Amino acid sequence: MRKDKQKVLDEVWTEDRVKSFLSYEPLAGTDPDFHALLKAYQSMRASDFDLFVTFFKAQSRNINATNPDGQSVLDIVNTHRHGAEFAEVLRRAGAEQ
């Protein structure tokens, strides 16, 4: 982390802020559902991610969307040491491996 950046702890995540991740624009060639899920996973705590997934599913979006390499967000989360809570959120929402 750069010295001019301060680490933010206990950041407040309002419902509006969580919902804002639903409209993230993907990079060219990337599935919009995959991109939104991945960005939410990378940015949120598990409890906030759980709320995000609720909104995501309410829009009938694809919890099993993949990147150009065929990986789902669950596939990626499962490779991370601290991803267990996030993986459980995804599985409860219907994510498959």
C-alpha atoms as a PDB file:
ATOM      1  CA  MET A   1       0.000   0.000   0.000  1.00  0.00           C
ATOM      2  CA  ARG A   2       1.282   3.451  -0.874  1.00  0.00           C
ATOM      3  CA  LYS A   3       2.272   5.654   2.058  1.00  0.00           C
ATOM      4  CA  ASP A   4      -0.178   8.380   1.007  1.00  0.00           C
ATOM      5  CA  LYS A   5      -3.093   5.908   1.224  1.00  0.00           C
ATOM      6  CA  GLN A   6      -4.637   5.125   4.558  1.00  0.00           C
ATOM      7  CA  LYS A   7      -6.093   1.720   5.240  1.00  0.00           C
ATOM      8  CA  VAL A   8      -9.846   1.891   5.755  1.00  0.00           C
ATOM      9  CA  LEU A   9     -11.228  -0.309   8.522  1.00  0.00           C
ATOM     10  CA  ASP A  10     -14.876  -0.897   9.441  1.00  0.00           C
ATOM     11  CA  GLU A  11     -16.084   0.851   6.326  1.00  0.00           C
ATOM     12  CA  VAL A  12     -19.843   1.409   6.203  1.00  0.00           C
ATOM     13  CA  TRP A  13     -21.645  -0.449   3.443  1.00  0.00           C
ATOM     14  CA  THR A  14     -25.137   0.902   2.903  1.00  0.00           C
ATOM     15  CA  GLU A  15     -27.674  -0.975   0.780  1.00  0.00           C
ATOM     16  CA  ASP A  16     -27.260   1.629  -1.948  1.00  0.00           C
ATOM     17  CA  ARG A  17     -23.510   1.147  -1.978  1.00  0.00           C
ATOM     18  CA  VAL A  18     -23.879  -2.626  -2.148  1.00  0.00           C
ATOM     19  CA  LYS A  19     -26.432  -2.275  -4.982  1.00  0.00           C
ATOM     20  CA  SER A  20     -24.059  -0.004  -6.906  1.00  0.00           C
ATOM     21  CA  PHE A  21     -21.937  -3.069  -7.712  1.00  0.00           C
ATOM     22  CA  LEU A  22     -24.825  -4.431  -9.786  1.00  0.00           C
ATOM     23  CA  SER A  23     -24.134  -1.814 -12.434  1.00  0.00           C
ATOM     24  CA  TYR A  24     -20.368  -2.221 -12.806  1.00  0.00           C
ATOM     25  CA  GLU A  25     -19.419  -2.260 -16.464  1.00  0.00           C
ATOM     26  CA  PRO A  26     -17.296  -5.244 -17.501  1.00  0.00           C
ATOM     27  CA  LEU A  27     -14.173  -5.232 -19.591  1.00  0.00           C
ATOM     28  CA  ALA A  28     -14.663  -6.152 -23.233  1.00  0.00           C
ATOM     29  CA  GLY A  29     -15.316  -9.867 -23.605  1.00  0.00           C
ATOM     30  CA  THR A  30     -16.224 -10.379 -19.943  1.00  0.00           C
ATOM     31  CA  ASP A  31     -19.666 -11.550 -18.858  1.00  0.00           C
ATOM     32  CA  PRO A  32     -21.379  -8.705 -16.940  1.00  0.00           C
ATOM     33  CA  ASP A  33     -22.687 -11.084 -14.262  1.00  0.00           C
ATOM     34  CA  PHE A  34     -19.258 -12.598 -13.689  1.00  0.00           C
ATOM     35  CA  HIS A  35     -17.696  -9.141 -13.518  1.00  0.00           C
ATOM     36  CA  ALA A  36     -20.232  -7.801 -10.993  1.00  0.00           C
ATOM     37  CA  LEU A  37     -19.847 -10.868  -8.745  1.00  0.00           C
ATOM     38  CA  LEU A  38     -16.067 -10.794  -8.882  1.00  0.00           C
ATOM     39  CA  LYS A  39     -15.853  -7.071  -8.108  1.00  0.00           C
ATOM     40  CA  ALA A  40     -18.251  -7.491  -5.196  1.00  0.00           C
ATOM     41  CA  TYR A  41     -16.241 -10.442  -3.866  1.00  0.00           C
ATOM     42  CA  GLN A  42     -12.983  -8.499  -4.137  1.00  0.00           C
ATOM     43  CA  SER A  43     -14.394  -5.430  -2.406  1.00  0.00           C
ATOM     44  CA  MET A  44     -16.798  -6.582   0.283  1.00  0.00           C
ATOM     45  CA  ARG A  45     -16.826  -8.396   3.583  1.00  0.00           C
ATOM     46  CA  ALA A  46     -18.718 -11.689   3.566  1.00  0.00           C
ATOM     47  CA  SER A  47     -21.816 -10.182   5.215  1.00  0.00           C
ATOM     48  CA  ASP A  48     -21.981  -7.396   2.625  1.00  0.00           C
ATOM     49  CA  PHE A  49     -21.346  -9.893  -0.166  1.00  0.00           C
ATOM     50  CA  ASP A  50     -24.265 -11.969   1.134  1.00  0.00           C
ATOM     51  CA  LEU A  51     -26.528  -8.914   0.819  1.00  0.00           C
ATOM     52  CA  PHE A  52     -25.152  -8.211  -2.661  1.00  0.00           C
ATOM     53  CA  VAL A  53     -25.903 -11.771  -3.789  1.00  0.00           C
ATOM     54  CA  THR A  54     -29.491 -11.352  -2.555  1.00  0.00           C
ATOM     55  CA  PHE A  55     -29.913  -8.286  -4.787  1.00  0.00           C
ATOM     56  CA  PHE A  56     -28.061 -10.043  -7.628  1.00  0.00           C
ATOM     57  CA  LYS A  57     -30.398 -13.047  -7.517  1.00  0.00           C
ATOM     58  CA  ALA A  58     -33.470 -10.776  -7.258  1.00  0.00           C
ATOM     59  CA  GLN A  59     -32.501  -9.454 -10.699  1.00  0.00           C
ATOM     60  CA  SER A  60     -32.395 -13.048 -12.035  1.00  0.00           C
ATOM     61  CA  ARG A  61     -28.713 -12.752 -12.821  1.00  0.00           C
ATOM     62  CA  ASN A  62     -26.438 -15.744 -13.435  1.00  0.00           C
ATOM     63  CA  ILE A  63     -24.621 -16.855 -10.263  1.00  0.00           C
ATOM     64  CA  ASN A  64     -22.678 -19.376 -12.400  1.00  0.00           C
ATOM     65  CA  ALA A  65     -21.423 -16.874 -14.999  1.00  0.00           C
ATOM     66  CA  THR A  66     -17.847 -17.488 -16.115  1.00  0.00           C
ATOM     67  CA  ASN A  67     -14.836 -15.518 -17.275  1.00  0.00           C
ATOM     68  CA  PRO A  68     -13.298 -16.083 -20.735  1.00  0.00           C
ATOM     69  CA  ASP A  69     -11.253 -18.956 -19.225  1.00  0.00           C
ATOM     70  CA  GLY A  70     -14.412 -20.752 -18.091  1.00  0.00           C
ATOM     71  CA  GLN A  71     -13.947 -20.049 -14.379  1.00  0.00           C
ATOM     72  CA  SER A  72     -16.879 -19.040 -12.201  1.00  0.00           C
ATOM     73  CA  VAL A  73     -16.497 -16.751  -9.207  1.00  0.00           C
ATOM     74  CA  LEU A  74     -16.975 -19.823  -6.986  1.00  0.00           C
ATOM     75  CA  ASP A  75     -14.045 -21.507  -8.764  1.00  0.00           C
ATOM     76  CA  ILE A  76     -11.885 -18.480  -8.006  1.00  0.00           C
ATOM     77  CA  VAL A  77     -13.080 -18.084  -4.413  1.00  0.00           C
ATOM     78  CA  ASN A  78     -12.296 -21.743  -3.708  1.00  0.00           C
ATOM     79  CA  THR A  79      -8.621 -21.096  -4.466  1.00  0.00           C
ATOM     80  CA  HIS A  80      -8.381 -18.377  -1.805  1.00  0.00           C
ATOM     81  CA  ARG A  81      -7.356 -19.197   1.722  1.00  0.00           C
ATOM     82  CA  HIS A  82     -10.005 -16.957   3.313  1.00  0.00           C
ATOM     83  CA  GLY A  83     -12.750 -17.619   0.791  1.00  0.00           C
ATOM     84  CA  ALA A  84     -14.831 -20.184   2.717  1.00  0.00           C
ATOM     85  CA  GLU A  85     -17.527 -17.746   3.890  1.00  0.00           C
ATOM     86  CA  PHE A  86     -17.849 -16.269   0.412  1.00  0.00           C
ATOM     87  CA  ALA A  87     -18.028 -19.740  -1.149  1.00  0.00           C
ATOM     88  CA  GLU A  88     -20.847 -20.656   1.225  1.00  0.00           C
ATOM     89  CA  VAL A  89     -22.777 -17.521   0.221  1.00  0.00           C
ATOM     90  CA  LEU A  90     -22.391 -18.466  -3.437  1.00  0.00           C
ATOM     91  CA  ARG A  91     -23.428 -22.087  -2.853  1.00  0.00           C
ATOM     92  CA  ARG A  92     -26.543 -21.036  -0.911  1.00  0.00           C
ATOM     93  CA  ALA A  93     -27.444 -18.864  -3.912  1.00  0.00           C
ATOM     94  CA  GLY A  94     -27.171 -21.831  -6.260  1.00  0.00           C
ATOM     95  CA  ALA A  95     -23.575 -21.634  -7.470  1.00  0.00           C
ATOM     96  CA  GLU A  96     -22.230 -24.913  -8.778  1.00  0.00           C
ATOM     97  CA  GLN A  97     -18.751 -26.184  -9.401  1.00  0.00           C
END
